[in-house]
Amino acid sequence: MEELASAGHVRLDKWLWAARFFKTRSLAAEAVEGGKVHLNGSHTKSGKTIRLGDAVTVRRGPYEWVVMVRGLSMQRGHASQARLLYEETEESRKKREELADQLRLQGPRMAEIKGRPTKKARRDFERFKRGDW
């Protein structure tokens, strides 16, 4: 993985992609422009340069990561190498785990059910709406 020790900074969208928060750099840039990513507690642009020690907050779906930048890279490498680029705060990790447990206990949501419902599922849903359940 290419370290940028001499420059000491890299674009935010490239870093998010290299740290594997987003699958593509364009998705990372969209998230930054859409206000899903904050740098040191404030809105920013995707071309903003980040440095070691910066705090980055990333929101993806219901989950939120608060991480400290520990390494800089412009290249996407293995997940184990990407994990070395940041350190998640303990409070952030606990919140994410608690939220994951809550969502797991709720069971599947309608948005997670893919495809067309079966005839039985449709009839069950109609019965539920009528109150015959």
N, C-alpha and C. Protein backbone atom coordinates (compact mmCIF):
# COMPACT_ATOMS: atom_id res chain seq x y z
N MET A 1 0.84 -1.17 0.00
CA MET A 1 0.00 0.00 0.00
C MET A 1 0.89 1.24 0.00
N GLU A 2 0.55 2.17 -0.86
CA GLU A 2 1.38 3.36 -1.02
C GLU A 2 1.15 4.34 0.14
N GLU A 3 2.17 4.60 0.89
CA GLU A 3 2.09 5.60 1.96
C GLU A 3 2.52 6.94 1.40
N LEU A 4 1.90 7.99 1.85
CA LEU A 4 2.24 9.33 1.38
C LEU A 4 2.91 10.12 2.50
N ALA A 5 3.98 9.61 3.02
CA ALA A 5 4.65 10.26 4.14
C ALA A 5 5.21 11.62 3.74
N SER A 6 5.66 11.73 2.50
CA SER A 6 6.24 13.01 2.09
C SER A 6 5.17 14.10 1.95
N ALA A 7 4.05 13.76 1.36
CA ALA A 7 3.00 14.76 1.16
C ALA A 7 2.21 14.96 2.46
N GLY A 8 1.89 13.89 3.16
CA GLY A 8 1.17 13.99 4.43
C GLY A 8 -0.30 14.29 4.31
N HIS A 9 -0.85 14.21 3.09
CA HIS A 9 -2.28 14.43 2.92
C HIS A 9 -2.78 13.71 1.68
N VAL A 10 -4.09 13.49 1.63
CA VAL A 10 -4.72 12.84 0.49
C VAL A 10 -6.17 13.33 0.42
N ARG A 11 -6.78 13.27 -0.75
CA ARG A 11 -8.17 13.69 -0.92
C ARG A 11 -9.09 12.80 -0.08
N LEU A 12 -10.13 13.40 0.47
CA LEU A 12 -11.06 12.66 1.33
C LEU A 12 -11.74 11.52 0.60
N ASP A 13 -12.23 11.76 -0.62
CA ASP A 13 -12.93 10.70 -1.34
C ASP A 13 -12.00 9.53 -1.68
N LYS A 14 -10.74 9.82 -2.00
CA LYS A 14 -9.77 8.74 -2.28
C LYS A 14 -9.48 7.94 -1.01
N TRP A 15 -9.36 8.64 0.11
CA TRP A 15 -9.08 7.94 1.37
C TRP A 15 -10.25 7.05 1.78
N LEU A 16 -11.47 7.55 1.64
CA LEU A 16 -12.65 6.75 1.99
C LEU A 16 -12.73 5.49 1.13
N TRP A 17 -12.37 5.62 -0.14
CA TRP A 17 -12.36 4.48 -1.04
C TRP A 17 -11.23 3.51 -0.66
N ALA A 18 -10.05 4.03 -0.38
CA ALA A 18 -8.91 3.19 0.00
C ALA A 18 -9.15 2.50 1.33
N ALA A 19 -9.85 3.17 2.26
CA ALA A 19 -10.13 2.58 3.57
C ALA A 19 -11.34 1.65 3.52
N ARG A 20 -11.93 1.48 2.34
CA ARG A 20 -13.02 0.55 2.09
C ARG A 20 -14.33 0.90 2.78
N PHE A 21 -14.58 2.19 2.95
CA PHE A 21 -15.89 2.60 3.44
C PHE A 21 -16.89 2.60 2.29
N PHE A 22 -16.39 2.80 1.05
CA PHE A 22 -17.24 2.80 -0.13
C PHE A 22 -16.60 1.96 -1.21
N LYS A 23 -17.44 1.35 -2.04
CA LYS A 23 -16.96 0.44 -3.06
C LYS A 23 -16.25 1.16 -4.21
N THR A 24 -16.73 2.36 -4.53
CA THR A 24 -16.09 3.13 -5.59
C THR A 24 -15.81 4.55 -5.09
N ARG A 25 -14.90 5.20 -5.78
CA ARG A 25 -14.56 6.57 -5.40
C ARG A 25 -15.73 7.51 -5.69
N SER A 26 -16.47 7.25 -6.74
CA SER A 26 -17.61 8.11 -7.06
C SER A 26 -18.69 8.00 -5.98
N LEU A 27 -18.90 6.80 -5.42
CA LEU A 27 -19.85 6.65 -4.31
C LEU A 27 -19.37 7.41 -3.08
N ALA A 28 -18.07 7.40 -2.87
CA ALA A 28 -17.51 8.14 -1.74
C ALA A 28 -17.71 9.64 -1.95
N ALA A 29 -17.48 10.11 -3.16
CA ALA A 29 -17.65 11.54 -3.45
C ALA A 29 -19.12 11.95 -3.30
N GLU A 30 -20.05 11.09 -3.75
CA GLU A 30 -21.49 11.38 -3.60
C GLU A 30 -21.87 11.47 -2.13
N ALA A 31 -21.33 10.57 -1.32
CA ALA A 31 -21.65 10.58 0.11
C ALA A 31 -21.13 11.85 0.78
N VAL A 32 -19.94 12.28 0.39
CA VAL A 32 -19.37 13.50 0.97
C VAL A 32 -20.22 14.70 0.57
N GLU A 33 -20.53 14.80 -0.72
CA GLU A 33 -21.33 15.93 -1.21
C GLU A 33 -22.74 15.89 -0.63
N GLY A 34 -23.26 14.71 -0.33
CA GLY A 34 -24.60 14.56 0.22
C GLY A 34 -24.67 14.76 1.72
N GLY A 35 -23.56 15.08 2.37
CA GLY A 35 -23.56 15.35 3.80
C GLY A 35 -23.49 14.11 4.67
N LYS A 36 -23.14 12.96 4.11
CA LYS A 36 -23.04 11.73 4.88
C LYS A 36 -21.67 11.56 5.53
N VAL A 37 -20.73 12.41 5.17
CA VAL A 37 -19.37 12.33 5.71
C VAL A 37 -18.99 13.71 6.25
N HIS A 38 -18.45 13.73 7.47
CA HIS A 38 -17.99 14.98 8.08
C HIS A 38 -16.52 14.83 8.43
N LEU A 39 -15.80 15.91 8.26
CA LEU A 39 -14.38 15.94 8.59
C LEU A 39 -14.19 16.89 9.75
N ASN A 40 -13.68 16.39 10.85
CA ASN A 40 -13.46 17.17 12.08
C ASN A 40 -14.74 17.89 12.52
N GLY A 41 -15.87 17.21 12.37
CA GLY A 41 -17.14 17.72 12.86
C GLY A 41 -17.86 18.70 11.97
N SER A 42 -17.38 18.94 10.76
CA SER A 42 -18.07 19.89 9.89
C SER A 42 -18.23 19.31 8.48
N HIS A 43 -19.21 19.87 7.75
CA HIS A 43 -19.41 19.48 6.35
C HIS A 43 -18.15 19.81 5.56
N THR A 44 -17.94 19.06 4.51
CA THR A 44 -16.74 19.28 3.71
C THR A 44 -17.02 18.92 2.26
N LYS A 45 -16.01 19.04 1.42
CA LYS A 45 -16.12 18.65 0.02
C LYS A 45 -15.22 17.44 -0.21
N SER A 46 -15.50 16.71 -1.30
CA SER A 46 -14.76 15.48 -1.55
C SER A 46 -13.30 15.72 -1.87
N GLY A 47 -12.95 16.89 -2.38
CA GLY A 47 -11.57 17.20 -2.70
C GLY A 47 -10.75 17.71 -1.52
N LYS A 48 -11.35 17.85 -0.37
CA LYS A 48 -10.65 18.34 0.82
C LYS A 48 -9.54 17.35 1.19
N THR A 49 -8.39 17.87 1.53
CA THR A 49 -7.29 16.99 1.91
C THR A 49 -7.40 16.66 3.40
N ILE A 50 -7.11 15.42 3.71
CA ILE A 50 -7.12 15.00 5.11
C ILE A 50 -5.69 14.71 5.54
N ARG A 51 -5.47 14.78 6.81
CA ARG A 51 -4.14 14.55 7.37
C ARG A 51 -4.23 13.55 8.51
N LEU A 52 -3.11 13.05 8.93
CA LEU A 52 -3.08 12.12 10.05
C LEU A 52 -3.67 12.80 11.29
N GLY A 53 -4.49 12.08 12.03
CA GLY A 53 -5.09 12.62 13.24
C GLY A 53 -6.44 13.27 13.04
N ASP A 54 -6.89 13.45 11.78
CA ASP A 54 -8.21 14.03 11.53
C ASP A 54 -9.29 13.07 11.98
N ALA A 55 -10.43 13.62 12.40
CA ALA A 55 -11.59 12.82 12.78
C ALA A 55 -12.57 12.81 11.61
N VAL A 56 -12.97 11.62 11.18
CA VAL A 56 -13.90 11.47 10.06
C VAL A 56 -15.13 10.72 10.56
N THR A 57 -16.31 11.27 10.28
CA THR A 57 -17.57 10.63 10.63
C THR A 57 -18.23 10.18 9.33
N VAL A 58 -18.53 8.89 9.23
CA VAL A 58 -19.13 8.31 8.03
C VAL A 58 -20.47 7.70 8.39
N ARG A 59 -21.52 8.08 7.66
CA ARG A 59 -22.85 7.54 7.90
C ARG A 59 -23.27 6.76 6.66
N ARG A 60 -23.55 5.47 6.87
CA ARG A 60 -24.04 4.59 5.80
C ARG A 60 -25.26 3.86 6.31
N GLY A 61 -26.41 4.20 5.77
CA GLY A 61 -27.66 3.60 6.24
C GLY A 61 -27.88 4.00 7.68
N PRO A 62 -28.27 3.04 8.52
CA PRO A 62 -28.50 3.39 9.92
C PRO A 62 -27.22 3.45 10.75
N TYR A 63 -26.10 3.04 10.17
CA TYR A 63 -24.86 2.94 10.92
C TYR A 63 -24.00 4.20 10.76
N GLU A 64 -23.24 4.49 11.81
CA GLU A 64 -22.33 5.64 11.78
C GLU A 64 -20.99 5.25 12.39
N TRP A 65 -19.91 5.57 11.67
CA TRP A 65 -18.55 5.33 12.15
C TRP A 65 -17.92 6.66 12.50
N VAL A 66 -17.25 6.73 13.61
CA VAL A 66 -16.41 7.88 13.96
C VAL A 66 -15.00 7.33 14.08
N VAL A 67 -14.13 7.75 13.15
CA VAL A 67 -12.79 7.18 13.08
C VAL A 67 -11.74 8.29 13.10
N MET A 68 -10.57 7.92 13.58
CA MET A 68 -9.40 8.80 13.53
C MET A 68 -8.49 8.29 12.42
N VAL A 69 -7.99 9.20 11.60
CA VAL A 69 -7.12 8.83 10.48
C VAL A 69 -5.75 8.45 11.05
N ARG A 70 -5.32 7.22 10.78
CA ARG A 70 -4.02 6.73 11.27
C ARG A 70 -3.02 6.48 10.16
N GLY A 71 -3.51 6.45 8.93
CA GLY A 71 -2.63 6.23 7.78
C GLY A 71 -3.25 6.84 6.54
N LEU A 72 -2.41 7.16 5.57
CA LEU A 72 -2.88 7.76 4.33
C LEU A 72 -2.49 6.89 3.17
N SER A 73 -3.43 6.71 2.25
CA SER A 73 -3.16 5.93 1.06
C SER A 73 -4.06 6.38 -0.06
N MET A 74 -3.54 6.34 -1.28
CA MET A 74 -4.35 6.66 -2.45
C MET A 74 -4.69 5.40 -3.21
N GLN A 75 -4.18 4.26 -2.76
CA GLN A 75 -4.43 2.98 -3.43
C GLN A 75 -5.29 2.10 -2.54
N ARG A 76 -6.20 1.37 -3.17
CA ARG A 76 -7.06 0.44 -2.44
C ARG A 76 -6.34 -0.89 -2.37
N GLY A 77 -6.19 -1.39 -1.15
CA GLY A 77 -5.51 -2.66 -0.96
C GLY A 77 -6.41 -3.67 -0.29
N HIS A 78 -5.82 -4.65 0.34
CA HIS A 78 -6.57 -5.67 1.06
C HIS A 78 -7.31 -5.04 2.24
N ALA A 79 -8.38 -5.70 2.67
CA ALA A 79 -9.18 -5.19 3.79
C ALA A 79 -8.34 -5.10 5.06
N SER A 80 -7.43 -6.05 5.25
CA SER A 80 -6.58 -6.00 6.45
C SER A 80 -5.66 -4.78 6.42
N GLN A 81 -5.19 -4.39 5.23
CA GLN A 81 -4.36 -3.19 5.11
C GLN A 81 -5.20 -1.93 5.27
N ALA A 82 -6.42 -1.95 4.73
CA ALA A 82 -7.30 -0.79 4.82
C ALA A 82 -7.66 -0.51 6.27
N ARG A 83 -7.79 -1.53 7.08
CA ARG A 83 -8.15 -1.38 8.49
C ARG A 83 -7.05 -0.61 9.25
N LEU A 84 -5.84 -0.63 8.75
CA LEU A 84 -4.73 0.08 9.40
C LEU A 84 -4.76 1.58 9.12
N LEU A 85 -5.60 2.01 8.19
CA LEU A 85 -5.67 3.43 7.83
C LEU A 85 -6.46 4.25 8.85
N TYR A 86 -7.26 3.59 9.68
CA TYR A 86 -8.09 4.32 10.64
C TYR A 86 -8.23 3.54 11.93
N GLU A 87 -8.66 4.24 12.97
CA GLU A 87 -8.95 3.62 14.26
C GLU A 87 -10.31 4.15 14.70
N GLU A 88 -11.25 3.23 14.87
CA GLU A 88 -12.60 3.63 15.28
C GLU A 88 -12.63 3.91 16.77
N THR A 89 -13.37 4.94 17.16
CA THR A 89 -13.48 5.26 18.58
C THR A 89 -14.30 4.19 19.28
N GLU A 90 -14.03 3.98 20.54
CA GLU A 90 -14.72 2.95 21.32
C GLU A 90 -16.21 3.24 21.41
N GLU A 91 -16.56 4.50 21.60
CA GLU A 91 -17.97 4.88 21.70
C GLU A 91 -18.72 4.58 20.40
N SER A 92 -18.09 4.86 19.27
CA SER A 92 -18.69 4.61 17.96
C SER A 92 -18.92 3.11 17.76
N ARG A 93 -17.93 2.31 18.12
CA ARG A 93 -18.05 0.86 17.95
C ARG A 93 -19.19 0.31 18.79
N LYS A 94 -19.30 0.77 20.03
CA LYS A 94 -20.37 0.30 20.91
C LYS A 94 -21.75 0.67 20.37
N LYS A 95 -21.88 1.91 19.89
CA LYS A 95 -23.17 2.35 19.33
C LYS A 95 -23.56 1.51 18.12
N ARG A 96 -22.60 1.24 17.23
CA ARG A 96 -22.90 0.43 16.05
C ARG A 96 -23.31 -0.98 16.43
N GLU A 97 -22.61 -1.58 17.40
CA GLU A 97 -22.95 -2.94 17.82
C GLU A 97 -24.33 -2.99 18.47
N GLU A 98 -24.66 -1.98 19.29
CA GLU A 98 -25.98 -1.94 19.92
C GLU A 98 -27.07 -1.79 18.87
N LEU A 99 -26.85 -0.93 17.88
CA LEU A 99 -27.83 -0.74 16.82
C LEU A 99 -28.00 -2.02 16.01
N ALA A 100 -26.89 -2.70 15.72
CA ALA A 100 -26.97 -3.96 14.97
C ALA A 100 -27.78 -4.99 15.75
N ASP A 101 -27.58 -5.06 17.06
CA ASP A 101 -28.36 -6.00 17.88
C ASP A 101 -29.84 -5.65 17.86
N GLN A 102 -30.17 -4.37 17.96
CA GLN A 102 -31.57 -3.94 17.93
C GLN A 102 -32.21 -4.28 16.59
N LEU A 103 -31.52 -4.03 15.51
CA LEU A 103 -32.06 -4.32 14.19
C LEU A 103 -32.21 -5.83 13.98
N ARG A 104 -31.30 -6.60 14.51
CA ARG A 104 -31.38 -8.05 14.38
C ARG A 104 -32.59 -8.59 15.12
N LEU A 105 -32.90 -8.01 16.29
CA LEU A 105 -34.04 -8.45 17.09
C LEU A 105 -35.38 -8.07 16.44
N GLN A 106 -35.40 -7.01 15.64
CA GLN A 106 -36.63 -6.58 14.98
C GLN A 106 -37.05 -7.53 13.89
N GLY A 107 -36.13 -8.31 13.37
CA GLY A 107 -36.46 -9.23 12.29
C GLY A 107 -36.36 -8.53 10.94
N PRO A 108 -36.74 -9.25 9.89
CA PRO A 108 -36.62 -8.66 8.55
C PRO A 108 -37.62 -7.52 8.36
N ARG A 109 -37.17 -6.48 7.68
CA ARG A 109 -38.03 -5.34 7.38
C ARG A 109 -38.54 -5.50 5.95
N MET A 110 -39.59 -4.80 5.64
CA MET A 110 -40.17 -4.88 4.30
C MET A 110 -39.16 -4.48 3.23
N ALA A 111 -38.32 -3.51 3.52
CA ALA A 111 -37.33 -3.06 2.54
C ALA A 111 -36.30 -4.15 2.25
N GLU A 112 -36.09 -5.06 3.18
CA GLU A 112 -35.09 -6.12 2.99
C GLU A 112 -35.64 -7.29 2.20
N ILE A 113 -36.97 -7.38 2.08
CA ILE A 113 -37.58 -8.47 1.33
C ILE A 113 -37.50 -8.12 -0.14
N LYS A 114 -36.86 -8.98 -0.91
CA LYS A 114 -36.62 -8.69 -2.30
C LYS A 114 -37.60 -9.47 -3.19
N GLY A 115 -37.92 -8.87 -4.30
CA GLY A 115 -38.75 -9.55 -5.27
C GLY A 115 -40.23 -9.43 -4.98
N ARG A 116 -40.99 -10.06 -5.83
CA ARG A 116 -42.44 -10.01 -5.74
C ARG A 116 -42.92 -10.96 -4.65
N PRO A 117 -43.94 -10.54 -3.86
CA PRO A 117 -44.42 -11.44 -2.82
C PRO A 117 -45.15 -12.64 -3.42
N THR A 118 -45.10 -13.75 -2.70
CA THR A 118 -45.82 -14.94 -3.15
C THR A 118 -47.31 -14.73 -2.90
N LYS A 119 -48.11 -15.62 -3.46
CA LYS A 119 -49.55 -15.49 -3.29
C LYS A 119 -49.93 -15.61 -1.82
N LYS A 120 -49.26 -16.54 -1.11
CA LYS A 120 -49.54 -16.72 0.31
C LYS A 120 -49.13 -15.48 1.11
N ALA A 121 -47.95 -14.92 0.80
CA ALA A 121 -47.49 -13.73 1.51
C ALA A 121 -48.43 -12.56 1.27
N ARG A 122 -48.94 -12.41 0.05
CA ARG A 122 -49.87 -11.33 -0.26
C ARG A 122 -51.16 -11.50 0.51
N ARG A 123 -51.68 -12.72 0.56
CA ARG A 123 -52.92 -12.97 1.31
C ARG A 123 -52.72 -12.74 2.80
N ASP A 124 -51.60 -13.18 3.33
CA ASP A 124 -51.31 -12.94 4.75
C ASP A 124 -51.25 -11.44 5.05
N PHE A 125 -50.65 -10.68 4.15
CA PHE A 125 -50.54 -9.25 4.35
C PHE A 125 -51.92 -8.59 4.30
N GLU A 126 -52.76 -9.02 3.37
CA GLU A 126 -54.12 -8.47 3.29
C GLU A 126 -54.90 -8.79 4.56
N ARG A 127 -54.76 -10.00 5.08
CA ARG A 127 -55.43 -10.37 6.34
C ARG A 127 -54.92 -9.50 7.48
N PHE A 128 -53.63 -9.23 7.50
CA PHE A 128 -53.04 -8.41 8.55
C PHE A 128 -53.59 -6.98 8.49
N LYS A 129 -53.71 -6.43 7.27
CA LYS A 129 -54.24 -5.08 7.11
C LYS A 129 -55.70 -4.99 7.55
N ARG A 130 -56.48 -6.03 7.29
CA ARG A 130 -57.90 -6.04 7.67
C ARG A 130 -58.08 -6.25 9.18
N GLY A 131 -57.06 -6.76 9.83
CA GLY A 131 -57.16 -7.02 11.27
C GLY A 131 -57.62 -8.44 11.58
N ASP A 132 -57.63 -9.32 10.60
CA ASP A 132 -58.04 -10.73 10.81
C ASP A 132 -56.89 -11.56 11.34
N TRP A 133 -55.81 -10.98 11.61
CA TRP A 133 -54.59 -11.70 12.00
C TRP A 133 -54.71 -12.32 13.30
